[in-house]
Amino acid sequence: MSKEASEEYASSLADLTINSKPLINMLTILAEENIDHAPAIVQTVETHLQKSCVLDVLSMDLEKKLPWVKPDIKLPVLYLVDSIVKNVGAAYTSLFTQNIVSTFCSVFEKVDERTRGQMFKLRQTWNEVFPPKKLYALDVRVSSIEHYTCEPQVYASE
């Protein structure tokens, strides 16, 4: 059943190509309705964000691309993560917390400065959502990425 839930979610997630609040809300509701399959759904979202354009090097056939997600449509997927952890809660928050640093930073590395600014604004809303140690690790790692202008914040001990 988790595989079916994951496939259904992936199919709907593929439609998230712009910052569409109605679609993000629908995907958040779908995540809530499938909370029993939260690990599969989180993995689906994280995998979706990690996809990149890879060519078949042997044949150099440009038509044989693996599924990919263009950098400019990664931000709406991060907005989806934000919506799920803030509206559905604990089951998803604990799962997204596990990879939030690598997930966020892998997107940050691939996007333009304007999108990075939007990501920074999004990150600032997570102080009450994710554990301080994870956010500190995220900030430190992002600050090491070229052109990042903000210093890591200091957090109180957990």
N, C-alpha and C. Protein backbone atom coordinates (compact mmCIF):
# COMPACT_ATOMS: atom_id res chain seq x y z
N MET A 1 0.82 -1.21 0.00
CA MET A 1 0.00 0.00 0.00
C MET A 1 0.86 1.26 0.00
N SER A 2 2.02 1.26 0.68
CA SER A 2 2.89 2.43 0.68
C SER A 2 3.37 2.76 -0.72
N LYS A 3 3.62 1.70 -1.52
CA LYS A 3 4.07 1.92 -2.89
C LYS A 3 2.98 2.63 -3.69
N GLU A 4 1.74 2.20 -3.51
CA GLU A 4 0.62 2.84 -4.21
C GLU A 4 0.47 4.30 -3.78
N ALA A 5 0.56 4.53 -2.48
CA ALA A 5 0.44 5.90 -1.96
C ALA A 5 1.57 6.77 -2.51
N SER A 6 2.76 6.20 -2.55
CA SER A 6 3.92 6.92 -3.06
C SER A 6 3.77 7.25 -4.54
N GLU A 7 3.29 6.28 -5.32
CA GLU A 7 3.10 6.50 -6.75
C GLU A 7 2.01 7.54 -7.02
N GLU A 8 0.92 7.47 -6.25
CA GLU A 8 -0.16 8.44 -6.40
C GLU A 8 0.36 9.84 -6.04
N TYR A 9 1.13 9.92 -4.97
CA TYR A 9 1.65 11.21 -4.53
C TYR A 9 2.64 11.76 -5.56
N ALA A 10 3.51 10.89 -6.08
CA ALA A 10 4.48 11.31 -7.09
C ALA A 10 3.79 11.85 -8.33
N SER A 11 2.70 11.22 -8.70
CA SER A 11 1.94 11.66 -9.87
C SER A 11 1.39 13.07 -9.66
N SER A 12 0.82 13.32 -8.49
CA SER A 12 0.30 14.65 -8.19
C SER A 12 1.43 15.66 -8.01
N LEU A 13 2.53 15.23 -7.42
CA LEU A 13 3.68 16.11 -7.19
C LEU A 13 4.29 16.59 -8.51
N ALA A 14 4.23 15.75 -9.52
CA ALA A 14 4.77 16.12 -10.83
C ALA A 14 4.06 17.33 -11.42
N ASP A 15 2.84 17.59 -10.97
CA ASP A 15 2.08 18.75 -11.45
C ASP A 15 2.50 20.06 -10.78
N LEU A 16 3.30 19.97 -9.72
CA LEU A 16 3.72 21.16 -8.99
C LEU A 16 4.93 21.79 -9.70
N THR A 17 4.64 22.54 -10.73
CA THR A 17 5.70 23.16 -11.54
C THR A 17 5.77 24.67 -11.36
N ILE A 18 4.79 25.23 -10.63
CA ILE A 18 4.80 26.65 -10.29
C ILE A 18 4.36 26.76 -8.84
N ASN A 19 4.53 27.94 -8.27
CA ASN A 19 4.11 28.17 -6.89
C ASN A 19 2.60 28.33 -6.87
N SER A 20 1.91 27.22 -6.74
CA SER A 20 0.44 27.20 -6.77
C SER A 20 -0.10 26.82 -5.39
N LYS A 21 -0.62 27.81 -4.68
CA LYS A 21 -1.17 27.55 -3.35
C LYS A 21 -2.26 26.47 -3.37
N PRO A 22 -3.19 26.50 -4.33
CA PRO A 22 -4.21 25.44 -4.34
C PRO A 22 -3.61 24.04 -4.51
N LEU A 23 -2.60 23.91 -5.35
CA LEU A 23 -1.98 22.59 -5.54
C LEU A 23 -1.18 22.19 -4.31
N ILE A 24 -0.47 23.14 -3.70
CA ILE A 24 0.27 22.85 -2.47
C ILE A 24 -0.71 22.43 -1.38
N ASN A 25 -1.84 23.11 -1.28
CA ASN A 25 -2.86 22.73 -0.28
C ASN A 25 -3.39 21.33 -0.56
N MET A 26 -3.66 21.02 -1.82
CA MET A 26 -4.16 19.70 -2.18
C MET A 26 -3.14 18.62 -1.83
N LEU A 27 -1.86 18.87 -2.13
CA LEU A 27 -0.81 17.90 -1.81
C LEU A 27 -0.62 17.76 -0.30
N THR A 28 -0.82 18.84 0.43
CA THR A 28 -0.75 18.78 1.90
C THR A 28 -1.88 17.93 2.45
N ILE A 29 -3.08 18.12 1.92
CA ILE A 29 -4.24 17.32 2.34
C ILE A 29 -4.02 15.85 1.99
N LEU A 30 -3.48 15.60 0.81
CA LEU A 30 -3.19 14.23 0.39
C LEU A 30 -2.17 13.59 1.34
N ALA A 31 -1.18 14.36 1.76
CA ALA A 31 -0.20 13.85 2.72
C ALA A 31 -0.88 13.52 4.05
N GLU A 32 -1.79 14.39 4.48
CA GLU A 32 -2.50 14.15 5.73
C GLU A 32 -3.39 12.91 5.64
N GLU A 33 -4.08 12.76 4.52
CA GLU A 33 -4.94 11.59 4.33
C GLU A 33 -4.15 10.29 4.28
N ASN A 34 -2.88 10.39 3.91
CA ASN A 34 -2.02 9.21 3.81
C ASN A 34 -0.94 9.20 4.89
N ILE A 35 -1.29 9.72 6.05
CA ILE A 35 -0.31 9.84 7.13
C ILE A 35 0.29 8.48 7.53
N ASP A 36 -0.48 7.41 7.34
CA ASP A 36 0.05 6.07 7.62
C ASP A 36 1.20 5.71 6.69
N HIS A 37 1.32 6.42 5.59
CA HIS A 37 2.38 6.17 4.61
C HIS A 37 3.37 7.34 4.57
N ALA A 38 3.46 8.06 5.67
CA ALA A 38 4.31 9.24 5.74
C ALA A 38 5.76 8.96 5.30
N PRO A 39 6.38 7.87 5.75
CA PRO A 39 7.76 7.63 5.30
C PRO A 39 7.89 7.54 3.77
N ALA A 40 6.94 6.89 3.13
CA ALA A 40 6.98 6.76 1.67
C ALA A 40 6.75 8.11 0.99
N ILE A 41 5.87 8.90 1.54
CA ILE A 41 5.58 10.21 0.95
C ILE A 41 6.76 11.16 1.12
N VAL A 42 7.37 11.15 2.30
CA VAL A 42 8.56 11.98 2.52
C VAL A 42 9.67 11.57 1.56
N GLN A 43 9.88 10.28 1.41
CA GLN A 43 10.90 9.80 0.48
C GLN A 43 10.58 10.24 -0.95
N THR A 44 9.32 10.20 -1.32
CA THR A 44 8.90 10.64 -2.66
C THR A 44 9.23 12.11 -2.88
N VAL A 45 8.92 12.96 -1.90
CA VAL A 45 9.20 14.39 -2.02
C VAL A 45 10.70 14.64 -2.08
N GLU A 46 11.45 14.00 -1.19
CA GLU A 46 12.90 14.20 -1.18
C GLU A 46 13.55 13.72 -2.47
N THR A 47 13.11 12.59 -2.97
CA THR A 47 13.63 12.07 -4.23
C THR A 47 13.30 13.02 -5.37
N HIS A 48 12.11 13.55 -5.37
CA HIS A 48 11.69 14.50 -6.39
C HIS A 48 12.62 15.72 -6.41
N LEU A 49 12.99 16.20 -5.24
CA LEU A 49 13.89 17.35 -5.15
C LEU A 49 15.31 17.03 -5.58
N GLN A 50 15.71 15.77 -5.41
CA GLN A 50 17.08 15.38 -5.73
C GLN A 50 17.31 15.08 -7.20
N LYS A 51 16.23 14.85 -7.93
CA LYS A 51 16.38 14.49 -9.34
C LYS A 51 17.10 15.60 -10.10
N SER A 52 17.98 15.19 -10.99
CA SER A 52 18.66 16.17 -11.83
C SER A 52 18.75 15.62 -13.24
N CYS A 53 18.96 16.50 -14.14
CA CYS A 53 19.03 16.11 -15.55
C CYS A 53 20.31 15.32 -15.79
N VAL A 54 20.18 14.07 -16.19
CA VAL A 54 21.33 13.22 -16.46
C VAL A 54 21.19 12.65 -17.86
N LEU A 55 22.20 12.82 -18.65
CA LEU A 55 22.16 12.30 -20.01
C LEU A 55 22.71 10.90 -20.07
N ASP A 56 22.23 10.15 -21.02
CA ASP A 56 22.79 8.84 -21.29
C ASP A 56 24.15 9.06 -21.95
N VAL A 57 25.21 9.00 -21.16
CA VAL A 57 26.55 9.36 -21.63
C VAL A 57 27.03 8.45 -22.76
N LEU A 58 26.66 7.20 -22.72
CA LEU A 58 27.15 6.28 -23.74
C LEU A 58 26.62 6.62 -25.12
N SER A 59 25.35 6.94 -25.21
CA SER A 59 24.79 7.22 -26.52
C SER A 59 24.70 8.72 -26.81
N MET A 60 24.87 9.55 -25.77
CA MET A 60 24.75 11.00 -25.89
C MET A 60 23.42 11.39 -26.54
N ASP A 61 22.43 10.57 -26.34
CA ASP A 61 21.10 10.82 -26.88
C ASP A 61 20.37 11.77 -25.94
N LEU A 62 20.13 12.99 -26.39
CA LEU A 62 19.50 13.98 -25.54
C LEU A 62 18.06 13.63 -25.20
N GLU A 63 17.46 12.75 -25.94
CA GLU A 63 16.09 12.35 -25.65
C GLU A 63 16.01 11.33 -24.52
N LYS A 64 17.14 10.72 -24.17
CA LYS A 64 17.13 9.70 -23.12
C LYS A 64 17.55 10.31 -21.79
N LYS A 65 16.77 11.24 -21.31
CA LYS A 65 17.02 11.89 -20.03
C LYS A 65 16.28 11.13 -18.95
N LEU A 66 16.90 11.07 -17.79
CA LEU A 66 16.19 10.55 -16.63
C LEU A 66 15.21 11.63 -16.18
N PRO A 67 14.18 11.25 -15.45
CA PRO A 67 13.27 12.28 -14.96
C PRO A 67 14.05 13.31 -14.15
N TRP A 68 13.68 14.55 -14.30
CA TRP A 68 14.40 15.59 -13.59
C TRP A 68 13.47 16.71 -13.18
N VAL A 69 13.98 17.53 -12.28
CA VAL A 69 13.23 18.67 -11.80
C VAL A 69 14.11 19.90 -12.02
N LYS A 70 13.63 20.84 -12.83
CA LYS A 70 14.40 22.04 -13.11
C LYS A 70 14.56 22.86 -11.83
N PRO A 71 15.70 23.54 -11.67
CA PRO A 71 15.93 24.32 -10.46
C PRO A 71 14.82 25.31 -10.15
N ASP A 72 14.21 25.92 -11.17
CA ASP A 72 13.20 26.94 -10.90
C ASP A 72 11.88 26.38 -10.38
N ILE A 73 11.71 25.07 -10.39
CA ILE A 73 10.48 24.51 -9.81
C ILE A 73 10.76 23.76 -8.51
N LYS A 74 11.97 23.88 -8.00
CA LYS A 74 12.29 23.24 -6.72
C LYS A 74 11.73 24.04 -5.54
N LEU A 75 11.69 25.37 -5.66
CA LEU A 75 11.17 26.19 -4.56
C LEU A 75 9.73 25.85 -4.20
N PRO A 76 8.82 25.68 -5.17
CA PRO A 76 7.46 25.28 -4.79
C PRO A 76 7.41 23.95 -4.02
N VAL A 77 8.35 23.06 -4.31
CA VAL A 77 8.38 21.79 -3.58
C VAL A 77 8.83 22.02 -2.14
N LEU A 78 9.77 22.95 -1.95
CA LEU A 78 10.14 23.31 -0.57
C LEU A 78 8.97 23.98 0.15
N TYR A 79 8.18 24.77 -0.58
CA TYR A 79 6.97 25.35 0.02
C TYR A 79 6.00 24.25 0.41
N LEU A 80 5.95 23.19 -0.35
CA LEU A 80 5.11 22.04 0.00
C LEU A 80 5.60 21.40 1.29
N VAL A 81 6.91 21.17 1.41
CA VAL A 81 7.48 20.61 2.64
C VAL A 81 7.07 21.50 3.82
N ASP A 82 7.22 22.81 3.65
CA ASP A 82 6.85 23.77 4.68
C ASP A 82 5.37 23.62 5.07
N SER A 83 4.51 23.51 4.09
CA SER A 83 3.09 23.36 4.34
C SER A 83 2.78 22.08 5.09
N ILE A 84 3.41 21.01 4.69
CA ILE A 84 3.15 19.71 5.34
C ILE A 84 3.60 19.74 6.80
N VAL A 85 4.83 20.22 7.06
CA VAL A 85 5.32 20.18 8.44
C VAL A 85 4.56 21.14 9.34
N LYS A 86 4.06 22.24 8.78
CA LYS A 86 3.33 23.21 9.60
C LYS A 86 1.86 22.85 9.78
N ASN A 87 1.28 22.17 8.81
CA ASN A 87 -0.16 21.89 8.86
C ASN A 87 -0.53 20.47 9.24
N VAL A 88 0.34 19.52 8.92
CA VAL A 88 0.03 18.13 9.27
C VAL A 88 0.74 17.76 10.57
N GLY A 89 1.99 18.17 10.67
CA GLY A 89 2.66 18.04 11.96
C GLY A 89 3.62 16.91 12.17
N ALA A 90 3.63 16.44 13.41
CA ALA A 90 4.68 15.61 13.99
C ALA A 90 5.19 14.44 13.15
N ALA A 91 4.29 13.65 12.62
CA ALA A 91 4.74 12.47 11.85
C ALA A 91 5.63 12.89 10.69
N TYR A 92 5.24 13.93 10.00
CA TYR A 92 6.02 14.41 8.86
C TYR A 92 7.21 15.24 9.30
N THR A 93 7.04 16.03 10.34
CA THR A 93 8.14 16.89 10.79
C THR A 93 9.35 16.05 11.18
N SER A 94 9.13 14.99 11.92
CA SER A 94 10.26 14.15 12.34
C SER A 94 10.94 13.49 11.14
N LEU A 95 10.16 13.13 10.15
CA LEU A 95 10.74 12.49 8.95
C LEU A 95 11.50 13.51 8.09
N PHE A 96 10.92 14.66 7.85
CA PHE A 96 11.61 15.68 7.06
C PHE A 96 12.85 16.21 7.79
N THR A 97 12.81 16.22 9.12
CA THR A 97 13.95 16.69 9.90
C THR A 97 15.21 15.88 9.60
N GLN A 98 15.05 14.60 9.37
CA GLN A 98 16.20 13.72 9.16
C GLN A 98 17.11 14.20 8.03
N ASN A 99 16.54 14.72 6.95
CA ASN A 99 17.33 15.12 5.79
C ASN A 99 17.17 16.58 5.41
N ILE A 100 16.62 17.40 6.30
CA ILE A 100 16.33 18.78 5.92
C ILE A 100 17.59 19.55 5.52
N VAL A 101 18.71 19.28 6.15
CA VAL A 101 19.94 20.00 5.82
C VAL A 101 20.37 19.67 4.39
N SER A 102 20.49 18.40 4.07
CA SER A 102 20.94 18.02 2.72
C SER A 102 19.89 18.37 1.67
N THR A 103 18.61 18.23 2.01
CA THR A 103 17.55 18.56 1.06
C THR A 103 17.58 20.04 0.72
N PHE A 104 17.60 20.88 1.74
CA PHE A 104 17.60 22.33 1.53
C PHE A 104 18.85 22.77 0.78
N CYS A 105 20.00 22.27 1.21
CA CYS A 105 21.26 22.71 0.61
C CYS A 105 21.42 22.22 -0.83
N SER A 106 20.92 21.05 -1.14
CA SER A 106 21.03 20.57 -2.53
C SER A 106 20.22 21.45 -3.46
N VAL A 107 19.10 21.98 -2.97
CA VAL A 107 18.32 22.92 -3.77
C VAL A 107 19.05 24.26 -3.84
N PHE A 108 19.53 24.73 -2.71
CA PHE A 108 20.20 26.03 -2.62
C PHE A 108 21.37 26.12 -3.61
N GLU A 109 22.09 25.04 -3.75
CA GLU A 109 23.26 25.01 -4.65
C GLU A 109 22.87 25.18 -6.12
N LYS A 110 21.64 24.84 -6.47
CA LYS A 110 21.24 24.79 -7.89
C LYS A 110 20.42 25.98 -8.35
N VAL A 111 20.05 26.87 -7.45
CA VAL A 111 19.14 27.94 -7.82
C VAL A 111 19.84 29.29 -7.92
N ASP A 112 19.14 30.24 -8.53
CA ASP A 112 19.70 31.59 -8.71
C ASP A 112 19.60 32.41 -7.42
N GLU A 113 20.19 33.60 -7.44
CA GLU A 113 20.22 34.45 -6.25
C GLU A 113 18.83 34.85 -5.78
N ARG A 114 17.94 35.14 -6.70
CA ARG A 114 16.57 35.52 -6.34
C ARG A 114 15.88 34.39 -5.57
N THR A 115 16.02 33.18 -6.07
CA THR A 115 15.41 32.02 -5.40
C THR A 115 16.08 31.77 -4.06
N ARG A 116 17.39 31.99 -3.99
CA ARG A 116 18.09 31.84 -2.71
C ARG A 116 17.51 32.80 -1.67
N GLY A 117 17.20 34.01 -2.09
CA GLY A 117 16.59 34.97 -1.18
C GLY A 117 15.24 34.48 -0.67
N GLN A 118 14.46 33.89 -1.55
CA GLN A 118 13.16 33.34 -1.16
C GLN A 118 13.34 32.15 -0.22
N MET A 119 14.37 31.36 -0.49
CA MET A 119 14.66 30.22 0.39
C MET A 119 15.08 30.70 1.77
N PHE A 120 15.86 31.78 1.82
CA PHE A 120 16.27 32.32 3.10
C PHE A 120 15.05 32.78 3.89
N LYS A 121 14.10 33.45 3.23
CA LYS A 121 12.86 33.88 3.90
C LYS A 121 12.09 32.68 4.43
N LEU A 122 12.00 31.63 3.62
CA LEU A 122 11.32 30.41 4.05
C LEU A 122 12.01 29.82 5.27
N ARG A 123 13.33 29.73 5.21
CA ARG A 123 14.12 29.17 6.31
C ARG A 123 13.85 29.92 7.62
N GLN A 124 13.67 31.23 7.55
CA GLN A 124 13.44 32.04 8.74
C GLN A 124 12.12 31.69 9.44
N THR A 125 11.21 31.04 8.74
CA THR A 125 9.92 30.67 9.34
C THR A 125 9.99 29.32 10.07
N TRP A 126 11.14 28.67 10.02
CA TRP A 126 11.25 27.33 10.58
C TRP A 126 11.79 27.26 12.00
N ASN A 127 12.00 28.40 12.64
CA ASN A 127 12.60 28.39 13.98
C ASN A 127 11.78 27.61 15.01
N GLU A 128 10.48 27.58 14.84
CA GLU A 128 9.61 26.85 15.77
C GLU A 128 9.20 25.48 15.22
N VAL A 129 9.73 25.12 14.06
CA VAL A 129 9.29 23.89 13.39
C VAL A 129 10.33 22.78 13.53
N PHE A 130 11.56 23.10 13.15
CA PHE A 130 12.64 22.11 13.19
C PHE A 130 13.53 22.34 14.40
N PRO A 131 14.22 21.30 14.86
CA PRO A 131 15.09 21.43 16.04
C PRO A 131 16.22 22.45 15.79
N PRO A 132 16.54 23.23 16.82
CA PRO A 132 17.60 24.24 16.68
C PRO A 132 18.92 23.69 16.16
N LYS A 133 19.30 22.50 16.59
CA LYS A 133 20.57 21.93 16.11
C LYS A 133 20.55 21.67 14.61
N LYS A 134 19.40 21.23 14.09
CA LYS A 134 19.28 20.99 12.64
C LYS A 134 19.34 22.31 11.89
N LEU A 135 18.67 23.33 12.42
CA LEU A 135 18.68 24.62 11.75
C LEU A 135 20.07 25.25 11.78
N TYR A 136 20.77 25.07 12.88
CA TYR A 136 22.14 25.58 12.95
C TYR A 136 23.01 24.88 11.91
N ALA A 137 22.88 23.56 11.83
CA ALA A 137 23.65 22.79 10.83
C ALA A 137 23.30 23.25 9.42
N LEU A 138 22.03 23.50 9.17
CA LEU A 138 21.59 23.98 7.86
C LEU A 138 22.23 25.34 7.57
N ASP A 139 22.18 26.25 8.53
CA ASP A 139 22.75 27.58 8.33
C ASP A 139 24.25 27.53 8.09
N VAL A 140 24.95 26.70 8.84
CA VAL A 140 26.40 26.58 8.67
C VAL A 140 26.71 26.06 7.27
N ARG A 141 25.99 25.04 6.86
CA ARG A 141 26.25 24.46 5.54
C ARG A 141 25.90 25.43 4.42
N VAL A 142 24.78 26.11 4.53
CA VAL A 142 24.40 27.09 3.51
C VAL A 142 25.42 28.22 3.45
N SER A 143 25.92 28.64 4.61
CA SER A 143 26.89 29.74 4.63
C SER A 143 28.19 29.38 3.93
N SER A 144 28.45 28.09 3.79
CA SER A 144 29.66 27.66 3.11
C SER A 144 29.49 27.62 1.59
N ILE A 145 28.25 27.75 1.14
CA ILE A 145 27.97 27.74 -0.30
C ILE A 145 28.25 29.14 -0.85
N GLU A 146 28.93 29.19 -1.96
CA GLU A 146 29.33 30.45 -2.58
C GLU A 146 28.16 31.42 -2.71
N HIS A 147 28.44 32.69 -2.49
CA HIS A 147 27.51 33.80 -2.64
C HIS A 147 26.46 33.89 -1.54
N TYR A 148 26.57 33.10 -0.50
CA TYR A 148 25.61 33.21 0.59
C TYR A 148 26.11 34.32 1.51
N THR A 149 25.28 35.28 1.81
CA THR A 149 25.73 36.47 2.52
C THR A 149 25.33 36.52 3.99
N CYS A 150 24.57 35.58 4.46
CA CYS A 150 24.08 35.63 5.84
C CYS A 150 24.90 34.72 6.73
N GLU A 151 25.11 35.16 7.95
CA GLU A 151 25.84 34.37 8.92
C GLU A 151 24.89 33.40 9.63
N PRO A 152 25.42 32.25 10.08
CA PRO A 152 24.57 31.33 10.84
C PRO A 152 24.05 32.01 12.12
N GLN A 153 22.84 31.68 12.50
CA GLN A 153 22.28 32.24 13.72
C GLN A 153 22.75 31.43 14.91
N VAL A 154 22.71 32.04 16.07
CA VAL A 154 23.05 31.35 17.33
C VAL A 154 21.75 30.86 17.94
N TYR A 155 21.74 29.60 18.35
CA TYR A 155 20.54 29.01 18.92
C TYR A 155 20.77 28.61 20.36
N ALA A 156 19.72 28.67 21.14
CA ALA A 156 19.77 28.18 22.52
C ALA A 156 19.89 26.66 22.49
N SER A 157 20.45 26.10 23.51
CA SER A 157 20.57 24.64 23.59
C SER A 157 19.19 24.02 23.64
N GLU A 158 19.11 22.79 23.10
CA GLU A 158 17.82 22.09 23.11
C GLU A 158 17.51 21.64 24.52
